[in-house]
Amino acid sequence: MFDFDDEDKQNPIGSVLRYHREQKKLSLDQISEELKVRREYLEAMEHGRFDLLPVGFYRRSFLRAYAEYLKLDPDHILKMLEEQERATKKGEGESPPVPKAHVEGTSEEKKIEREKPAHKFTPPIKPPPRESRAGFWFSVFLGLLIGALCLIFLFKIGIRNEQKTSANQAMAEVESLMVSPEPVDTLELFMNLLDKAIGGSPELILRIETMGESWIRVVSVGVELFSGFINENMNVEFKVKDELSINLGKNQGIKATLNGFELQPLEKGVTRLNRENFKEFISTDRANQIVREHE
């Protein structure tokens, strides 16, 4: 899968990334500037310290973006990460085996054990005189009271620890759902997705859904594709190669998509769409959700 000599068996992913970056004679600062990803995140990935990256979706997104930038297979890199995390969890759950010699003993130890003389019988020690019955029950009551107090104390500590753990988990979930402190990273991923889905498509597909009676005129390369009123709850679709213009007159509410991506609300008048400027009209309100769905 990768053309390199893996010398770091403990950090295979980092070795792959660092090797291919050095082969391309690229610096971390240069990649950080182009990908809009912090330099320390790139260093953490090359050293196998994925625990230093943001948790959840952003960790996988940063790794995928770095792999694609180096012209590597991102799916294979992410699969390597999953296998590495599973191996780490499995290693943490295992306990080292007990040496056999410690369990069975050596032959020399067995020989010494056999040569030990038998113990002589020792008569039992005479028990001390019994305490009074009242003193006995008082001791029992005092022991039960102390035990109950200890249980109540431990129960309160357990509740506090559980509440603290629940609060930490809730905070971690909130942080994982928060927008990255650098939203441009997600936007960059969204724009890359647009390049593949629309820029790389052989045709532009415009779909218009009406929520009220509207007048629309659609033209492509000087050829009129449609001109007239569209009634409420009607859908029309146009397929062109490179460009089209939309002339919107009466508008009682329309929703337009380009190759499945929602467009910003179209203004009255003429709107020209082509392969050079289509990103200016794509709505980015659901960018995070769309990137996660494609991920």
C-alpha atoms as a PDB file:
ATOM      1  CA  MET A   1       0.000   0.000   0.000  1.00  0.00           C
ATOM      2  CA  PHE A   2       2.859   2.455   0.814  1.00  0.00           C
ATOM      3  CA  ASP A   3       6.280   2.765  -0.762  1.00  0.00           C
ATOM      4  CA  PHE A   4       8.576   3.174   2.255  1.00  0.00           C
ATOM      5  CA  ASP A   5      10.715   1.255   4.756  1.00  0.00           C
ATOM      6  CA  ASP A   6       8.871   1.222   8.100  1.00  0.00           C
ATOM      7  CA  GLU A   7      11.534   1.440  10.772  1.00  0.00           C
ATOM      8  CA  ASP A   8       9.179   2.472  13.619  1.00  0.00           C
ATOM      9  CA  LYS A   9       6.938  -0.525  14.305  1.00  0.00           C
ATOM     10  CA  GLN A  10       5.420   1.220  17.323  1.00  0.00           C
ATOM     11  CA  ASN A  11       4.245   4.146  15.174  1.00  0.00           C
ATOM     12  CA  PRO A  12       3.319   2.864  11.697  1.00  0.00           C
ATOM     13  CA  ILE A  13       0.902   5.677  10.813  1.00  0.00           C
ATOM     14  CA  GLY A  14       3.307   8.432  11.842  1.00  0.00           C
ATOM     15  CA  SER A  15       6.123   6.723   9.923  1.00  0.00           C
ATOM     16  CA  VAL A  16       3.993   6.653   6.756  1.00  0.00           C
ATOM     17  CA  LEU A  17       3.051  10.330   7.028  1.00  0.00           C
ATOM     18  CA  ARG A  18       6.538  11.556   7.902  1.00  0.00           C
ATOM     19  CA  TYR A  19       8.218   9.431   5.205  1.00  0.00           C
ATOM     20  CA  HIS A  20       5.975  10.645   2.382  1.00  0.00           C
ATOM     21  CA  ARG A  21       6.168  14.261   3.569  1.00  0.00           C
ATOM     22  CA  GLU A  22       9.969  14.149   3.586  1.00  0.00           C
ATOM     23  CA  GLN A  23       9.992  12.438   0.195  1.00  0.00           C
ATOM     24  CA  LYS A  24       7.967  15.338  -1.197  1.00  0.00           C
ATOM     25  CA  LYS A  25      10.315  17.796   0.614  1.00  0.00           C
ATOM     26  CA  LEU A  26       7.438  19.515   2.375  1.00  0.00           C
ATOM     27  CA  SER A  27       7.645  21.303   5.719  1.00  0.00           C
ATOM     28  CA  LEU A  28       5.068  21.102   8.484  1.00  0.00           C
ATOM     29  CA  ASP A  29       4.614  24.874   8.360  1.00  0.00           C
ATOM     30  CA  GLN A  30       3.805  24.727   4.651  1.00  0.00           C
ATOM     31  CA  ILE A  31       1.243  21.919   5.089  1.00  0.00           C
ATOM     32  CA  SER A  32      -0.290  23.653   8.123  1.00  0.00           C
ATOM     33  CA  GLU A  33      -0.766  26.834   6.098  1.00  0.00           C
ATOM     34  CA  GLU A  34      -2.378  25.045   3.150  1.00  0.00           C
ATOM     35  CA  LEU A  35      -4.623  22.672   5.122  1.00  0.00           C
ATOM     36  CA  LYS A  36      -5.461  25.267   7.810  1.00  0.00           C
ATOM     37  CA  VAL A  37      -4.570  22.688  10.468  1.00  0.00           C
ATOM     38  CA  ARG A  38      -2.386  23.560  13.447  1.00  0.00           C
ATOM     39  CA  ARG A  39       1.266  22.559  13.191  1.00  0.00           C
ATOM     40  CA  GLU A  40       1.183  20.800  16.582  1.00  0.00           C
ATOM     41  CA  TYR A  41      -1.634  18.564  15.308  1.00  0.00           C
ATOM     42  CA  LEU A  42       0.513  17.528  12.332  1.00  0.00           C
ATOM     43  CA  GLU A  43       3.453  16.813  14.650  1.00  0.00           C
ATOM     44  CA  ALA A  44       1.183  14.768  16.944  1.00  0.00           C
ATOM     45  CA  MET A  45       0.006  12.631  14.004  1.00  0.00           C
ATOM     46  CA  GLU A  46       3.578  12.000  12.821  1.00  0.00           C
ATOM     47  CA  HIS A  47       4.562  10.909  16.357  1.00  0.00           C
ATOM     48  CA  GLY A  48       1.510   8.682  16.774  1.00  0.00           C
ATOM     49  CA  ARG A  49       0.096  10.890  19.581  1.00  0.00           C
ATOM     50  CA  PHE A  50      -3.524  10.899  18.390  1.00  0.00           C
ATOM     51  CA  ASP A  51      -4.630  11.474  21.971  1.00  0.00           C
ATOM     52  CA  LEU A  52      -3.384  15.081  21.581  1.00  0.00           C
ATOM     53  CA  LEU A  53      -5.854  15.753  18.739  1.00  0.00           C
ATOM     54  CA  PRO A  54      -9.455  16.919  19.277  1.00  0.00           C
ATOM     55  CA  VAL A  55     -11.706  13.965  20.027  1.00  0.00           C
ATOM     56  CA  GLY A  56     -14.443  12.495  17.831  1.00  0.00           C
ATOM     57  CA  PHE A  57     -15.061  13.649  14.291  1.00  0.00           C
ATOM     58  CA  TYR A  58     -12.182  16.168  14.059  1.00  0.00           C
ATOM     59  CA  ARG A  59      -9.455  13.589  14.808  1.00  0.00           C
ATOM     60  CA  ARG A  60     -10.500  11.463  11.821  1.00  0.00           C
ATOM     61  CA  SER A  61     -11.037  14.540   9.632  1.00  0.00           C
ATOM     62  CA  PHE A  62      -7.523  15.904  10.300  1.00  0.00           C
ATOM     63  CA  LEU A  63      -5.959  12.502   9.573  1.00  0.00           C
ATOM     64  CA  ARG A  64      -8.003  12.093   6.382  1.00  0.00           C
ATOM     65  CA  ALA A  65      -7.091  15.595   5.158  1.00  0.00           C
ATOM     66  CA  TYR A  66      -3.366  15.003   5.845  1.00  0.00           C
ATOM     67  CA  ALA A  67      -3.426  11.627   4.037  1.00  0.00           C
ATOM     68  CA  GLU A  68      -5.216  13.085   0.990  1.00  0.00           C
ATOM     69  CA  TYR A  69      -2.750  15.978   0.877  1.00  0.00           C
ATOM     70  CA  LEU A  70       0.154  13.477   0.698  1.00  0.00           C
ATOM     71  CA  LYS A  71      -1.689  11.517  -2.050  1.00  0.00           C
ATOM     72  CA  LEU A  72      -2.217   8.496   0.254  1.00  0.00           C
ATOM     73  CA  ASP A  73      -5.289   6.284   0.583  1.00  0.00           C
ATOM     74  CA  PRO A  74      -7.250   7.945   3.451  1.00  0.00           C
ATOM     75  CA  ASP A  75      -9.501   4.909   4.004  1.00  0.00           C
ATOM     76  CA  HIS A  76      -6.496   2.665   4.565  1.00  0.00           C
ATOM     77  CA  ILE A  77      -4.888   5.186   6.933  1.00  0.00           C
ATOM     78  CA  LEU A  78      -8.116   5.422   8.992  1.00  0.00           C
ATOM     79  CA  LYS A  79      -8.311   1.616   9.078  1.00  0.00           C
ATOM     80  CA  MET A  80      -4.742   1.522  10.445  1.00  0.00           C
ATOM     81  CA  LEU A  81      -5.813   3.985  13.161  1.00  0.00           C
ATOM     82  CA  GLU A  82      -8.764   1.798  14.153  1.00  0.00           C
ATOM     83  CA  GLU A  83      -6.558  -1.307  14.356  1.00  0.00           C
ATOM     84  CA  GLN A  84      -3.979   0.590  16.415  1.00  0.00           C
ATOM     85  CA  GLU A  85      -6.645   1.800  18.875  1.00  0.00           C
ATOM     86  CA  ARG A  86      -8.088  -1.720  19.213  1.00  0.00           C
ATOM     87  CA  ALA A  87      -4.611  -3.155  19.849  1.00  0.00           C
ATOM     88  CA  THR A  88      -3.943  -0.475  22.487  1.00  0.00           C
ATOM     89  CA  LYS A  89      -7.202  -1.224  24.312  1.00  0.00           C
ATOM     90  CA  LYS A  90      -6.544  -4.956  24.174  1.00  0.00           C
ATOM     91  CA  GLY A  91      -2.986  -4.502  25.526  1.00  0.00           C
ATOM     92  CA  GLU A  92      -4.248  -2.403  28.430  1.00  0.00           C
ATOM     93  CA  GLY A  93      -6.784  -5.067  29.416  1.00  0.00           C
ATOM     94  CA  GLU A  94      -4.319  -8.014  29.542  1.00  0.00           C
ATOM     95  CA  SER A  95      -2.249  -8.920  32.588  1.00  0.00           C
ATOM     96  CA  PRO A  96       1.241 -10.427  32.327  1.00  0.00           C
ATOM     97  CA  PRO A  97       1.374 -14.210  32.855  1.00  0.00           C
ATOM     98  CA  VAL A  98       2.821 -15.529  36.107  1.00  0.00           C
ATOM     99  CA  PRO A  99       6.181 -17.253  35.544  1.00  0.00           C
ATOM    100  CA  LYS A 100       5.863 -21.030  35.821  1.00  0.00           C
ATOM    101  CA  ALA A 101       8.808 -21.321  38.166  1.00  0.00           C
ATOM    102  CA  HIS A 102       7.015 -19.135  40.721  1.00  0.00           C
ATOM    103  CA  VAL A 103       3.948 -21.359  40.664  1.00  0.00           C
ATOM    104  CA  GLU A 104       5.432 -24.818  40.649  1.00  0.00           C
ATOM    105  CA  GLY A 105       8.838 -24.143  42.195  1.00  0.00           C
ATOM    106  CA  THR A 106      12.181 -25.531  41.065  1.00  0.00           C
ATOM    107  CA  SER A 107      13.322 -29.095  41.637  1.00  0.00           C
ATOM    108  CA  GLU A 108      15.862 -27.830  44.181  1.00  0.00           C
ATOM    109  CA  GLU A 109      13.109 -26.084  46.147  1.00  0.00           C
ATOM    110  CA  LYS A 110      11.004 -29.261  46.109  1.00  0.00           C
ATOM    111  CA  LYS A 111      13.990 -31.263  47.387  1.00  0.00           C
ATOM    112  CA  ILE A 112      14.532 -28.814  50.280  1.00  0.00           C
ATOM    113  CA  GLU A 113      10.794 -28.957  51.073  1.00  0.00           C
ATOM    114  CA  ARG A 114      10.905 -32.774  51.309  1.00  0.00           C
ATOM    115  CA  GLU A 115      13.954 -32.698  53.583  1.00  0.00           C
ATOM    116  CA  LYS A 116      12.294 -30.383  56.107  1.00  0.00           C
ATOM    117  CA  PRO A 117      11.624 -32.131  59.428  1.00  0.00           C
ATOM    118  CA  ALA A 118       8.043 -32.729  60.473  1.00  0.00           C
ATOM    119  CA  HIS A 119       6.603 -30.276  62.946  1.00  0.00           C
ATOM    120  CA  LYS A 120       6.142 -31.461  66.476  1.00  0.00           C
ATOM    121  CA  PHE A 121       2.726 -31.350  68.044  1.00  0.00           C
ATOM    122  CA  THR A 122       2.191 -28.257  70.135  1.00  0.00           C
ATOM    123  CA  PRO A 123      -0.625 -28.286  72.635  1.00  0.00           C
ATOM    124  CA  PRO A 124      -3.236 -25.574  72.157  1.00  0.00           C
ATOM    125  CA  ILE A 125      -2.938 -22.408  74.178  1.00  0.00           C
ATOM    126  CA  LYS A 126      -5.491 -22.032  76.854  1.00  0.00           C
ATOM    127  CA  PRO A 127      -8.098 -19.394  75.843  1.00  0.00           C
ATOM    128  CA  PRO A 128      -8.518 -16.378  78.064  1.00  0.00           C
ATOM    129  CA  PRO A 129     -11.534 -16.249  80.316  1.00  0.00           C
ATOM    130  CA  ARG A 130     -14.767 -15.134  78.610  1.00  0.00           C
ATOM    131  CA  GLU A 131     -15.927 -11.571  78.991  1.00  0.00           C
ATOM    132  CA  SER A 132     -19.209 -10.779  80.576  1.00  0.00           C
ATOM    133  CA  ARG A 133     -22.334 -11.057  78.385  1.00  0.00           C
ATOM    134  CA  ALA A 134     -23.061  -7.317  78.660  1.00  0.00           C
ATOM    135  CA  GLY A 135     -19.560  -6.418  77.507  1.00  0.00           C
ATOM    136  CA  PHE A 136     -19.868  -8.821  74.566  1.00  0.00           C
ATOM    137  CA  TRP A 137     -23.130  -7.304  73.274  1.00  0.00           C
ATOM    138  CA  PHE A 138     -21.787  -3.796  73.782  1.00  0.00           C
ATOM    139  CA  SER A 139     -18.772  -4.669  71.596  1.00  0.00           C
ATOM    140  CA  VAL A 140     -21.087  -6.093  68.925  1.00  0.00           C
ATOM    141  CA  PHE A 141     -23.283  -2.973  68.970  1.00  0.00           C
ATOM    142  CA  LEU A 142     -20.275  -0.675  68.803  1.00  0.00           C
ATOM    143  CA  GLY A 143     -18.831  -2.627  65.832  1.00  0.00           C
ATOM    144  CA  LEU A 144     -22.142  -2.481  63.952  1.00  0.00           C
ATOM    145  CA  LEU A 145     -22.441   1.249  64.600  1.00  0.00           C
ATOM    146  CA  ILE A 146     -18.920   1.941  63.332  1.00  0.00           C
ATOM    147  CA  GLY A 147     -19.573  -0.248  60.266  1.00  0.00           C
ATOM    148  CA  ALA A 148     -22.810   1.605  59.476  1.00  0.00           C
ATOM    149  CA  LEU A 149     -21.092   4.978  59.755  1.00  0.00           C
ATOM    150  CA  CYS A 150     -18.311   3.783  57.424  1.00  0.00           C
ATOM    151  CA  LEU A 151     -20.875   2.552  54.874  1.00  0.00           C
ATOM    152  CA  ILE A 152     -22.732   5.888  54.958  1.00  0.00           C
ATOM    153  CA  PHE A 153     -19.455   7.765  54.478  1.00  0.00           C
ATOM    154  CA  LEU A 154     -18.392   5.541  51.561  1.00  0.00           C
ATOM    155  CA  PHE A 155     -21.868   5.852  50.010  1.00  0.00           C
ATOM    156  CA  LYS A 156     -21.656   9.660  50.053  1.00  0.00           C
ATOM    157  CA  ILE A 157     -18.190   9.576  48.513  1.00  0.00           C
ATOM    158  CA  GLY A 158     -19.448   7.223  45.803  1.00  0.00           C
ATOM    159  CA  ILE A 159     -22.346   9.541  44.953  1.00  0.00           C
ATOM    160  CA  ARG A 160     -20.006  12.545  44.712  1.00  0.00           C
ATOM    161  CA  ASN A 161     -17.580  10.647  42.460  1.00  0.00           C
ATOM    162  CA  GLU A 162     -20.441   9.441  40.263  1.00  0.00           C
ATOM    163  CA  GLN A 163     -21.808  12.974  39.942  1.00  0.00           C
ATOM    164  CA  LYS A 164     -18.351  14.280  39.107  1.00  0.00           C
ATOM    165  CA  THR A 165     -17.845  11.532  36.505  1.00  0.00           C
ATOM    166  CA  SER A 166     -21.250  12.227  34.939  1.00  0.00           C
ATOM    167  CA  ALA A 167     -20.451  15.947  34.782  1.00  0.00           C
ATOM    168  CA  ASN A 168     -17.093  15.239  33.120  1.00  0.00           C
ATOM    169  CA  GLN A 169     -18.719  12.912  30.578  1.00  0.00           C
ATOM    170  CA  ALA A 170     -21.399  15.483  29.798  1.00  0.00           C
ATOM    171  CA  MET A 171     -18.721  18.157  29.355  1.00  0.00           C
ATOM    172  CA  ALA A 172     -16.730  15.853  27.047  1.00  0.00           C
ATOM    173  CA  GLU A 173     -19.834  15.191  24.932  1.00  0.00           C
ATOM    174  CA  VAL A 174     -20.547  18.925  24.704  1.00  0.00           C
ATOM    175  CA  GLU A 175     -16.944  19.620  23.671  1.00  0.00           C
ATOM    176  CA  SER A 176     -17.096  16.894  21.018  1.00  0.00           C
ATOM    177  CA  LEU A 177     -20.218  18.556  19.545  1.00  0.00           C
ATOM    178  CA  MET A 178     -18.829  22.068  19.688  1.00  0.00           C
ATOM    179  CA  VAL A 179     -17.587  23.701  16.543  1.00  0.00           C
ATOM    180  CA  SER A 180     -13.844  23.544  16.175  1.00  0.00           C
ATOM    181  CA  PRO A 181     -11.998  26.636  17.439  1.00  0.00           C
ATOM    182  CA  GLU A 182     -10.829  26.895  13.860  1.00  0.00           C
ATOM    183  CA  PRO A 183     -14.076  26.564  11.813  1.00  0.00           C
ATOM    184  CA  VAL A 184     -12.098  27.189   8.632  1.00  0.00           C
ATOM    185  CA  ASP A 185     -10.847  23.594   8.896  1.00  0.00           C
ATOM    186  CA  THR A 186     -14.362  22.190   8.490  1.00  0.00           C
ATOM    187  CA  LEU A 187     -15.183  24.731   5.798  1.00  0.00           C
ATOM    188  CA  GLU A 188     -12.076  23.691   3.882  1.00  0.00           C
ATOM    189  CA  LEU A 189     -13.202  20.055   4.027  1.00  0.00           C
ATOM    190  CA  PHE A 190     -16.647  21.109   2.813  1.00  0.00           C
ATOM    191  CA  MET A 191     -15.172  23.026  -0.120  1.00  0.00           C
ATOM    192  CA  ASN A 192     -13.022  20.015  -1.061  1.00  0.00           C
ATOM    193  CA  LEU A 193     -16.203  17.949  -1.026  1.00  0.00           C
ATOM    194  CA  LEU A 194     -17.872  20.446  -3.371  1.00  0.00           C
ATOM    195  CA  ASP A 195     -14.922  20.213  -5.776  1.00  0.00           C
ATOM    196  CA  LYS A 196     -15.400  16.454  -6.040  1.00  0.00           C
ATOM    197  CA  ALA A 197     -19.209  16.404  -6.108  1.00  0.00           C
ATOM    198  CA  ILE A 198     -19.800  19.363  -8.442  1.00  0.00           C
ATOM    199  CA  GLY A 199     -16.502  20.470  -9.968  1.00  0.00           C
ATOM    200  CA  GLY A 200     -15.634  16.900 -10.919  1.00  0.00           C
ATOM    201  CA  SER A 201     -19.134  16.023 -12.188  1.00  0.00           C
ATOM    202  CA  PRO A 202     -19.649  15.822 -15.984  1.00  0.00           C
ATOM    203  CA  GLU A 203     -22.808  17.963 -15.712  1.00  0.00           C
ATOM    204  CA  LEU A 204     -24.485  20.564 -13.522  1.00  0.00           C
ATOM    205  CA  ILE A 205     -27.921  19.505 -12.245  1.00  0.00           C
ATOM    206  CA  LEU A 206     -30.205  22.360 -11.107  1.00  0.00           C
ATOM    207  CA  ARG A 207     -33.376  21.343  -9.250  1.00  0.00           C
ATOM    208  CA  ILE A 208     -36.033  23.895  -8.284  1.00  0.00           C
ATOM    209  CA  GLU A 209     -38.854  23.176  -5.823  1.00  0.00           C
ATOM    210  CA  THR A 210     -41.646  25.759  -5.549  1.00  0.00           C
ATOM    211  CA  MET A 211     -43.571  26.633  -2.396  1.00  0.00           C
ATOM    212  CA  GLY A 212     -45.774  29.145  -4.225  1.00  0.00           C
ATOM    213  CA  GLU A 213     -46.469  30.349  -7.750  1.00  0.00           C
ATOM    214  CA  SER A 214     -43.257  31.739  -9.277  1.00  0.00           C
ATOM    215  CA  TRP A 215     -42.037  32.921 -12.676  1.00  0.00           C
ATOM    216  CA  ILE A 216     -38.678  31.486 -13.803  1.00  0.00           C
ATOM    217  CA  ARG A 217     -36.583  31.629 -16.958  1.00  0.00           C
ATOM    218  CA  VAL A 218     -33.577  29.287 -17.347  1.00  0.00           C
ATOM    219  CA  VAL A 219     -31.003  29.775 -20.141  1.00  0.00           C
ATOM    220  CA  SER A 220     -27.807  27.802 -20.932  1.00  0.00           C
ATOM    221  CA  VAL A 221     -25.245  28.931 -23.551  1.00  0.00           C
ATOM    222  CA  GLY A 222     -27.845  31.177 -25.198  1.00  0.00           C
ATOM    223  CA  VAL A 223     -30.476  28.419 -25.371  1.00  0.00           C
ATOM    224  CA  GLU A 224     -33.689  28.946 -23.415  1.00  0.00           C
ATOM    225  CA  LEU A 225     -34.506  25.822 -21.438  1.00  0.00           C
ATOM    226  CA  PHE A 226     -37.613  27.076 -19.686  1.00  0.00           C
ATOM    227  CA  SER A 227     -39.665  30.249 -19.376  1.00  0.00           C
ATOM    228  CA  GLY A 228     -42.954  30.605 -17.547  1.00  0.00           C
ATOM    229  CA  PHE A 229     -44.826  30.169 -14.289  1.00  0.00           C
ATOM    230  CA  ILE A 230     -44.333  27.220 -11.968  1.00  0.00           C
ATOM    231  CA  ASN A 231     -47.248  26.421  -9.710  1.00  0.00           C
ATOM    232  CA  GLU A 232     -47.085  25.611  -6.009  1.00  0.00           C
ATOM    233  CA  ASN A 233     -45.444  22.279  -5.006  1.00  0.00           C
ATOM    234  CA  MET A 234     -43.992  21.662  -8.478  1.00  0.00           C
ATOM    235  CA  ASN A 235     -40.442  20.491  -9.152  1.00  0.00           C
ATOM    236  CA  VAL A 236     -38.372  21.162 -12.275  1.00  0.00           C
ATOM    237  CA  GLU A 237     -34.882  19.928 -13.084  1.00  0.00           C
ATOM    238  CA  PHE A 238     -32.311  21.103 -15.634  1.00  0.00           C
ATOM    239  CA  LYS A 239     -29.057  19.394 -16.675  1.00  0.00           C
ATOM    240  CA  VAL A 240     -26.350  21.416 -18.413  1.00  0.00           C
ATOM    241  CA  LYS A 241     -22.674  20.925 -19.075  1.00  0.00           C
ATOM    242  CA  ASP A 242     -20.890  24.038 -17.779  1.00  0.00           C
ATOM    243  CA  GLU A 243     -23.120  27.052 -17.108  1.00  0.00           C
ATOM    244  CA  LEU A 244     -26.675  28.367 -16.803  1.00  0.00           C
ATOM    245  CA  SER A 245     -28.489  31.556 -15.838  1.00  0.00           C
ATOM    246  CA  ILE A 246     -31.659  31.851 -13.777  1.00  0.00           C
ATOM    247  CA  ASN A 247     -33.977  34.841 -14.236  1.00  0.00           C
ATOM    248  CA  LEU A 248     -36.384  34.994 -11.302  1.00  0.00           C
ATOM    249  CA  GLY A 249     -39.444  37.220 -11.510  1.00  0.00           C
ATOM    250  CA  LYS A 250     -42.473  36.655  -9.326  1.00  0.00           C
ATOM    251  CA  ASN A 251     -41.319  34.617  -6.360  1.00  0.00           C
ATOM    252  CA  GLN A 252     -43.640  33.200  -3.720  1.00  0.00           C
ATOM    253  CA  GLY A 253     -40.983  30.859  -2.393  1.00  0.00           C
ATOM    254  CA  ILE A 254     -38.567  28.480  -4.115  1.00  0.00           C
ATOM    255  CA  LYS A 255     -35.823  26.117  -2.977  1.00  0.00           C
ATOM    256  CA  ALA A 256     -32.955  25.384  -5.363  1.00  0.00           C
ATOM    257  CA  THR A 257     -30.203  22.741  -5.232  1.00  0.00           C
ATOM    258  CA  LEU A 258     -27.140  22.174  -7.410  1.00  0.00           C
ATOM    259  CA  ASN A 259     -26.039  18.527  -7.687  1.00  0.00           C
ATOM    260  CA  GLY A 260     -27.828  17.871  -4.383  1.00  0.00           C
ATOM    261  CA  PHE A 261     -26.281  20.813  -2.465  1.00  0.00           C
ATOM    262  CA  GLU A 262     -28.674  23.522  -1.296  1.00  0.00           C
ATOM    263  CA  LEU A 263     -28.215  26.988  -2.817  1.00  0.00           C
ATOM    264  CA  GLN A 264     -28.560  30.253  -0.964  1.00  0.00           C
ATOM    265  CA  PRO A 265     -31.923  32.043  -1.487  1.00  0.00           C
ATOM    266  CA  LEU A 266     -31.951  33.334  -5.075  1.00  0.00           C
ATOM    267  CA  GLU A 267     -32.579  37.046  -5.488  1.00  0.00           C
ATOM    268  CA  LYS A 268     -35.002  38.544  -7.969  1.00  0.00           C
ATOM    269  CA  GLY A 269     -33.294  39.096 -11.299  1.00  0.00           C
ATOM    270  CA  VAL A 270     -30.613  37.119 -13.138  1.00  0.00           C
ATOM    271  CA  THR A 271     -28.262  34.702 -11.366  1.00  0.00           C
ATOM    272  CA  ARG A 272     -25.442  33.141 -13.416  1.00  0.00           C
ATOM    273  CA  LEU A 273     -23.971  29.813 -12.298  1.00  0.00           C
ATOM    274  CA  ASN A 274     -20.922  28.100 -13.788  1.00  0.00           C
ATOM    275  CA  ARG A 275     -18.060  25.803 -12.777  1.00  0.00           C
ATOM    276  CA  GLU A 276     -15.950  28.777 -11.682  1.00  0.00           C
ATOM    277  CA  ASN A 277     -18.345  30.559  -9.317  1.00  0.00           C
ATOM    278  CA  PHE A 278     -20.800  27.888  -8.085  1.00  0.00           C
ATOM    279  CA  LYS A 279     -19.214  27.868  -4.588  1.00  0.00           C
ATOM    280  CA  GLU A 280     -20.360  31.463  -4.061  1.00  0.00           C
ATOM    281  CA  PHE A 281     -24.026  30.352  -4.209  1.00  0.00           C
ATOM    282  CA  ILE A 282     -23.806  27.131  -2.131  1.00  0.00           C
ATOM    283  CA  SER A 283     -25.319  27.423   1.358  1.00  0.00           C
ATOM    284  CA  THR A 284     -22.831  26.533   4.124  1.00  0.00           C
ATOM    285  CA  ASP A 285     -25.412  26.416   6.936  1.00  0.00           C
ATOM    286  CA  ARG A 286     -25.242  22.611   7.078  1.00  0.00           C
ATOM    287  CA  ALA A 287     -21.549  22.269   6.192  1.00  0.00           C
ATOM    288  CA  ASN A 288     -20.609  20.411   9.397  1.00  0.00           C
ATOM    289  CA  GLN A 289     -23.505  17.959   9.067  1.00  0.00           C
ATOM    290  CA  ILE A 290     -22.835  17.305   5.366  1.00  0.00           C
ATOM    291  CA  VAL A 291     -19.128  16.637   5.999  1.00  0.00           C
ATOM    292  CA  ARG A 292     -20.009  14.196   8.819  1.00  0.00           C
ATOM    293  CA  GLU A 293     -22.530  12.387   6.601  1.00  0.00           C
ATOM    294  CA  HIS A 294     -19.968  11.946   3.813  1.00  0.00           C
ATOM    295  CA  GLU A 295     -17.343  10.891   6.367  1.00  0.00           C
END
